[in-house]
Amino acid sequence: MKNVLIIEGSPRANGNSAVLCDEFARGAEEAGCSVKRIRAARKKVAGCLGCNACLRNGGSCVQKDDMAEIRAEMLAADVIVLASPIYFYSMTAQLKAVIDRTYAFYNELAGKTFYFIVACGAPDASYTETMLAALRGFTCCVPESKEGGVVLGVDSMEAGDVRKTAAVAEAYEMGRGIL
């Protein structure tokens, strides 16, 4: 059984990326995976200070916030899903803060499989390229990480719009396909 961690970057609890995460989680659970979800917007995660203290402290950050809990969940996961709507061609600040704070331990994420779920109000997938580049920029730093797949919920501006797209079924099938 695989342990799946979904990190949702959206501040909207019922937004389009959350709908896609629901479907991914449903598929993964049906496939026999254990699924945990973290809503980054509900956590207190400060931005990285760039102080490098973590490099001297065995990967422990000097900031005492919810990132310690997120770190433990990320390390325990076999599969990590990074999900966010697009805000000005990239991920939300909440998800970016989590990613930046992995600086203290990103090498420990070696070998994990990452999936990306992106919701976008723009009309086509070309608008997702910069966000995907940012997500892939993170995972290319993680040794031996693998990209498991991408779900793009485009043309979905208002909460729930994504339900009218093929992305909902794609998210479910992607979760279901985790072995």
C-alpha atoms as a PDB file:
ATOM      1  CA  MET A   1       0.000   0.000   0.000  1.00  0.00           C
ATOM      2  CA  LYS A   2       1.349   3.415  -0.986  1.00  0.00           C
ATOM      3  CA  ASN A   3       1.135   6.415   1.305  1.00  0.00           C
ATOM      4  CA  VAL A   4      -0.120   9.415  -0.649  1.00  0.00           C
ATOM      5  CA  LEU A   5       0.152  12.981   0.617  1.00  0.00           C
ATOM      6  CA  ILE A   6      -1.820  15.698  -1.120  1.00  0.00           C
ATOM      7  CA  ILE A   7      -0.658  19.242  -0.386  1.00  0.00           C
ATOM      8  CA  GLU A   8      -3.314  21.704  -1.496  1.00  0.00           C
ATOM      9  CA  GLY A   9      -2.143  25.247  -2.112  1.00  0.00           C
ATOM     10  CA  SER A  10      -5.515  26.871  -2.637  1.00  0.00           C
ATOM     11  CA  PRO A  11      -7.001  29.134   0.020  1.00  0.00           C
ATOM     12  CA  ARG A  12     -10.467  28.175  -1.307  1.00  0.00           C
ATOM     13  CA  ALA A  13     -11.650  25.028   0.469  1.00  0.00           C
ATOM     14  CA  ASN A  14     -14.080  24.159  -2.313  1.00  0.00           C
ATOM     15  CA  GLY A  15     -12.216  25.587  -5.278  1.00  0.00           C
ATOM     16  CA  ASN A  16     -11.340  23.861  -8.516  1.00  0.00           C
ATOM     17  CA  SER A  17      -8.022  22.435  -7.401  1.00  0.00           C
ATOM     18  CA  ALA A  18      -9.756  21.018  -4.303  1.00  0.00           C
ATOM     19  CA  VAL A  19     -12.332  19.296  -6.536  1.00  0.00           C
ATOM     20  CA  LEU A  20      -9.504  17.719  -8.531  1.00  0.00           C
ATOM     21  CA  CYS A  21      -7.770  16.664  -5.308  1.00  0.00           C
ATOM     22  CA  ASP A  22     -11.023  15.059  -4.117  1.00  0.00           C
ATOM     23  CA  GLU A  23     -11.147  12.970  -7.277  1.00  0.00           C
ATOM     24  CA  PHE A  24      -7.461  12.049  -7.158  1.00  0.00           C
ATOM     25  CA  ALA A  25      -7.871  11.000  -3.512  1.00  0.00           C
ATOM     26  CA  ARG A  26     -10.986   8.954  -4.295  1.00  0.00           C
ATOM     27  CA  GLY A  27      -9.174   7.097  -7.047  1.00  0.00           C
ATOM     28  CA  ALA A  28      -6.072   6.506  -4.906  1.00  0.00           C
ATOM     29  CA  GLU A  29      -8.155   5.204  -2.001  1.00  0.00           C
ATOM     30  CA  GLU A  30     -10.016   2.848  -4.339  1.00  0.00           C
ATOM     31  CA  ALA A  31      -6.610   1.622  -5.533  1.00  0.00           C
ATOM     32  CA  GLY A  32      -5.781   0.721  -1.922  1.00  0.00           C
ATOM     33  CA  CYS A  33      -3.600   3.698  -1.066  1.00  0.00           C
ATOM     34  CA  SER A  34      -3.601   5.528   2.229  1.00  0.00           C
ATOM     35  CA  VAL A  35      -4.302   9.214   1.529  1.00  0.00           C
ATOM     36  CA  LYS A  36      -3.607  12.232   3.722  1.00  0.00           C
ATOM     37  CA  ARG A  37      -4.323  15.821   2.795  1.00  0.00           C
ATOM     38  CA  ILE A  38      -2.801  19.031   4.011  1.00  0.00           C
ATOM     39  CA  ARG A  39      -4.346  22.400   3.181  1.00  0.00           C
ATOM     40  CA  ALA A  40      -1.340  24.707   3.156  1.00  0.00           C
ATOM     41  CA  ALA A  41      -3.559  27.783   3.515  1.00  0.00           C
ATOM     42  CA  ARG A  42      -4.757  26.503   6.883  1.00  0.00           C
ATOM     43  CA  LYS A  43      -1.216  26.015   8.171  1.00  0.00           C
ATOM     44  CA  LYS A  44       1.220  28.523   9.526  1.00  0.00           C
ATOM     45  CA  VAL A  45       4.273  28.203   7.289  1.00  0.00           C
ATOM     46  CA  ALA A  46       6.658  31.132   7.222  1.00  0.00           C
ATOM     47  CA  GLY A  47       8.857  31.787   4.234  1.00  0.00           C
ATOM     48  CA  CYS A  48      12.400  30.446   4.208  1.00  0.00           C
ATOM     49  CA  LEU A  49      14.843  32.850   5.862  1.00  0.00           C
ATOM     50  CA  GLY A  50      17.784  31.707   3.754  1.00  0.00           C
ATOM     51  CA  CYS A  51      19.872  31.551   6.923  1.00  0.00           C
ATOM     52  CA  ASN A  52      21.207  28.028   6.216  1.00  0.00           C
ATOM     53  CA  ALA A  53      20.853  27.117   9.887  1.00  0.00           C
ATOM     54  CA  CYS A  54      19.098  23.940   8.746  1.00  0.00           C
ATOM     55  CA  LEU A  55      22.307  22.851   7.053  1.00  0.00           C
ATOM     56  CA  ARG A  56      24.085  23.100  10.407  1.00  0.00           C
ATOM     57  CA  ASN A  57      21.209  21.584  12.426  1.00  0.00           C
ATOM     58  CA  GLY A  58      20.771  18.264  10.641  1.00  0.00           C
ATOM     59  CA  GLY A  59      17.907  19.580   8.518  1.00  0.00           C
ATOM     60  CA  SER A  60      15.995  21.191  11.368  1.00  0.00           C
ATOM     61  CA  CYS A  61      14.641  24.662  10.646  1.00  0.00           C
ATOM     62  CA  VAL A  62      15.003  27.389  13.276  1.00  0.00           C
ATOM     63  CA  GLN A  63      11.423  28.503  12.604  1.00  0.00           C
ATOM     64  CA  LYS A  64       8.881  26.766  14.797  1.00  0.00           C
ATOM     65  CA  ASP A  65       5.692  26.531  12.823  1.00  0.00           C
ATOM     66  CA  ASP A  66       3.527  23.940  11.091  1.00  0.00           C
ATOM     67  CA  MET A  67       6.254  23.009   8.634  1.00  0.00           C
ATOM     68  CA  ALA A  68       7.576  20.435  11.114  1.00  0.00           C
ATOM     69  CA  GLU A  69       4.276  18.541  10.786  1.00  0.00           C
ATOM     70  CA  ILE A  70       4.281  18.904   7.000  1.00  0.00           C
ATOM     71  CA  ARG A  71       7.878  17.685   6.863  1.00  0.00           C
ATOM     72  CA  ALA A  72       6.990  14.535   8.789  1.00  0.00           C
ATOM     73  CA  GLU A  73       4.090  13.819   6.434  1.00  0.00           C
ATOM     74  CA  MET A  74       6.215  14.439   3.342  1.00  0.00           C
ATOM     75  CA  LEU A  75       8.936  12.111   4.580  1.00  0.00           C
ATOM     76  CA  ALA A  76       6.388   9.380   5.385  1.00  0.00           C
ATOM     77  CA  ALA A  77       4.752   9.600   1.946  1.00  0.00           C
ATOM     78  CA  ASP A  78       5.643   7.488  -1.068  1.00  0.00           C
ATOM     79  CA  VAL A  79       3.702   9.804  -3.370  1.00  0.00           C
ATOM     80  CA  ILE A  80       3.334  13.576  -3.016  1.00  0.00           C
ATOM     81  CA  VAL A  81       0.691  15.535  -4.904  1.00  0.00           C
ATOM     82  CA  LEU A  82       1.301  19.268  -5.243  1.00  0.00           C
ATOM     83  CA  ALA A  83      -1.939  21.050  -6.113  1.00  0.00           C
ATOM     84  CA  SER A  84      -2.697  24.699  -6.696  1.00  0.00           C
ATOM     85  CA  PRO A  85      -4.684  27.128  -8.764  1.00  0.00           C
ATOM     86  CA  ILE A  86      -2.608  29.441 -10.881  1.00  0.00           C
ATOM     87  CA  TYR A  87      -2.083  32.917  -9.460  1.00  0.00           C
ATOM     88  CA  PHE A  88      -0.276  35.148 -11.956  1.00  0.00           C
ATOM     89  CA  TYR A  89       1.264  32.248 -13.870  1.00  0.00           C
ATOM     90  CA  SER A  90       2.468  30.332 -10.821  1.00  0.00           C
ATOM     91  CA  MET A  91       1.373  28.537  -7.679  1.00  0.00           C
ATOM     92  CA  THR A  92      -0.146  30.184  -4.628  1.00  0.00           C
ATOM     93  CA  ALA A  93       2.126  31.742  -2.012  1.00  0.00           C
ATOM     94  CA  GLN A  94       0.980  29.087   0.468  1.00  0.00           C
ATOM     95  CA  LEU A  95       2.265  26.195  -1.643  1.00  0.00           C
ATOM     96  CA  LYS A  96       5.424  28.075  -2.574  1.00  0.00           C
ATOM     97  CA  ALA A  97       6.219  28.627   1.117  1.00  0.00           C
ATOM     98  CA  VAL A  98       5.961  24.873   1.740  1.00  0.00           C
ATOM     99  CA  ILE A  99       8.196  24.107  -1.226  1.00  0.00           C
ATOM    100  CA  ASP A 100      10.773  26.719  -0.210  1.00  0.00           C
ATOM    101  CA  ARG A 101      10.889  25.344   3.326  1.00  0.00           C
ATOM    102  CA  THR A 102      11.806  21.881   2.035  1.00  0.00           C
ATOM    103  CA  TYR A 103      15.258  23.385   1.542  1.00  0.00           C
ATOM    104  CA  ALA A 104      16.022  21.969   4.993  1.00  0.00           C
ATOM    105  CA  PHE A 105      15.319  18.383   3.892  1.00  0.00           C
ATOM    106  CA  TYR A 106      14.681  18.088   0.154  1.00  0.00           C
ATOM    107  CA  ASN A 107      17.443  15.483  -0.212  1.00  0.00           C
ATOM    108  CA  GLU A 108      15.472  13.265   2.168  1.00  0.00           C
ATOM    109  CA  LEU A 109      12.611  13.254  -0.352  1.00  0.00           C
ATOM    110  CA  ALA A 110      14.811  11.278  -2.745  1.00  0.00           C
ATOM    111  CA  GLY A 111      13.046   8.679  -4.857  1.00  0.00           C
ATOM    112  CA  LYS A 112       9.507   9.915  -4.218  1.00  0.00           C
ATOM    113  CA  THR A 113       6.932  10.208  -6.965  1.00  0.00           C
ATOM    114  CA  PHE A 114       5.298  13.595  -7.494  1.00  0.00           C
ATOM    115  CA  TYR A 115       1.992  14.408  -9.178  1.00  0.00           C
ATOM    116  CA  PHE A 116       0.875  17.917 -10.097  1.00  0.00           C
ATOM    117  CA  ILE A 117      -2.702  19.174 -10.056  1.00  0.00           C
ATOM    118  CA  VAL A 118      -3.259  22.611 -11.550  1.00  0.00           C
ATOM    119  CA  ALA A 119      -6.462  24.621 -11.838  1.00  0.00           C
ATOM    120  CA  CYS A 120      -6.487  27.554 -14.222  1.00  0.00           C
ATOM    121  CA  GLY A 121      -9.067  30.137 -15.238  1.00  0.00           C
ATOM    122  CA  ALA A 122      -7.378  30.698 -18.592  1.00  0.00           C
ATOM    123  CA  PRO A 123      -8.807  28.989 -21.673  1.00  0.00           C
ATOM    124  CA  ASP A 124      -6.055  26.503 -22.522  1.00  0.00           C
ATOM    125  CA  ALA A 125      -3.072  24.567 -21.197  1.00  0.00           C
ATOM    126  CA  SER A 126      -0.484  26.962 -22.630  1.00  0.00           C
ATOM    127  CA  TYR A 127      -1.155  29.208 -19.621  1.00  0.00           C
ATOM    128  CA  THR A 128       0.009  26.474 -17.238  1.00  0.00           C
ATOM    129  CA  GLU A 129       3.545  26.198 -18.613  1.00  0.00           C
ATOM    130  CA  THR A 130       5.219  28.594 -16.177  1.00  0.00           C
ATOM    131  CA  MET A 131       3.624  26.929 -13.163  1.00  0.00           C
ATOM    132  CA  LEU A 132       4.586  23.479 -14.364  1.00  0.00           C
ATOM    133  CA  ALA A 133       8.130  24.766 -14.909  1.00  0.00           C
ATOM    134  CA  ALA A 134       8.209  25.981 -11.294  1.00  0.00           C
ATOM    135  CA  LEU A 135       6.909  22.652  -9.949  1.00  0.00           C
ATOM    136  CA  ARG A 136       9.346  20.712 -12.097  1.00  0.00           C
ATOM    137  CA  GLY A 137      12.108  23.063 -11.006  1.00  0.00           C
ATOM    138  CA  PHE A 138      11.489  21.938  -7.448  1.00  0.00           C
ATOM    139  CA  THR A 139      11.287  18.232  -8.189  1.00  0.00           C
ATOM    140  CA  CYS A 140      14.369  18.276 -10.419  1.00  0.00           C
ATOM    141  CA  CYS A 141      16.292  19.259  -7.275  1.00  0.00           C
ATOM    142  CA  VAL A 142      14.948  16.224  -5.394  1.00  0.00           C
ATOM    143  CA  PRO A 143      17.330  13.337  -6.086  1.00  0.00           C
ATOM    144  CA  GLU A 144      15.852  10.478  -8.101  1.00  0.00           C
ATOM    145  CA  SER A 145      12.329  11.889  -7.909  1.00  0.00           C
ATOM    146  CA  LYS A 146       9.812  10.837 -10.516  1.00  0.00           C
ATOM    147  CA  GLU A 147       6.912  12.697 -12.075  1.00  0.00           C
ATOM    148  CA  GLY A 148       3.850  10.476 -11.908  1.00  0.00           C
ATOM    149  CA  GLY A 149       1.505  12.700 -13.878  1.00  0.00           C
ATOM    150  CA  VAL A 150      -0.177  16.039 -14.363  1.00  0.00           C
ATOM    151  CA  VAL A 151      -3.825  17.071 -14.299  1.00  0.00           C
ATOM    152  CA  LEU A 152      -4.710  20.444 -15.788  1.00  0.00           C
ATOM    153  CA  GLY A 153      -8.146  21.882 -15.023  1.00  0.00           C
ATOM    154  CA  VAL A 154      -8.193  24.794 -17.468  1.00  0.00           C
ATOM    155  CA  ASP A 155     -11.025  27.201 -18.297  1.00  0.00           C
ATOM    156  CA  SER A 156     -12.142  26.970 -14.666  1.00  0.00           C
ATOM    157  CA  MET A 157     -12.368  30.426 -13.137  1.00  0.00           C
ATOM    158  CA  GLU A 158     -15.277  30.118 -10.721  1.00  0.00           C
ATOM    159  CA  ALA A 159     -15.418  27.493  -7.982  1.00  0.00           C
ATOM    160  CA  GLY A 160     -16.874  24.318  -9.443  1.00  0.00           C
ATOM    161  CA  ASP A 161     -16.226  25.182 -13.104  1.00  0.00           C
ATOM    162  CA  VAL A 162     -13.726  22.335 -13.316  1.00  0.00           C
ATOM    163  CA  ARG A 163     -16.573  19.848 -12.850  1.00  0.00           C
ATOM    164  CA  LYS A 164     -17.543  20.576 -16.481  1.00  0.00           C
ATOM    165  CA  THR A 165     -14.134  19.469 -17.789  1.00  0.00           C
ATOM    166  CA  ALA A 166     -12.413  16.176 -18.505  1.00  0.00           C
ATOM    167  CA  ALA A 167      -9.889  16.987 -15.759  1.00  0.00           C
ATOM    168  CA  VAL A 168     -12.191  15.554 -13.079  1.00  0.00           C
ATOM    169  CA  ALA A 169     -12.137  12.086 -14.661  1.00  0.00           C
ATOM    170  CA  GLU A 170      -8.406  12.444 -15.373  1.00  0.00           C
ATOM    171  CA  ALA A 171      -7.690  13.194 -11.706  1.00  0.00           C
ATOM    172  CA  TYR A 172      -9.701  10.175 -10.573  1.00  0.00           C
ATOM    173  CA  GLU A 173      -8.007   7.861 -13.079  1.00  0.00           C
ATOM    174  CA  MET A 174      -4.571   9.179 -12.179  1.00  0.00           C
ATOM    175  CA  GLY A 175      -5.196   8.484  -8.501  1.00  0.00           C
ATOM    176  CA  ARG A 176      -6.641   5.083  -9.352  1.00  0.00           C
ATOM    177  CA  GLY A 177      -3.539   4.274 -11.378  1.00  0.00           C
ATOM    178  CA  ILE A 178      -1.128   4.527  -8.442  1.00  0.00           C
ATOM    179  CA  LEU A 179       0.382   1.112  -7.874  1.00  0.00           C
END
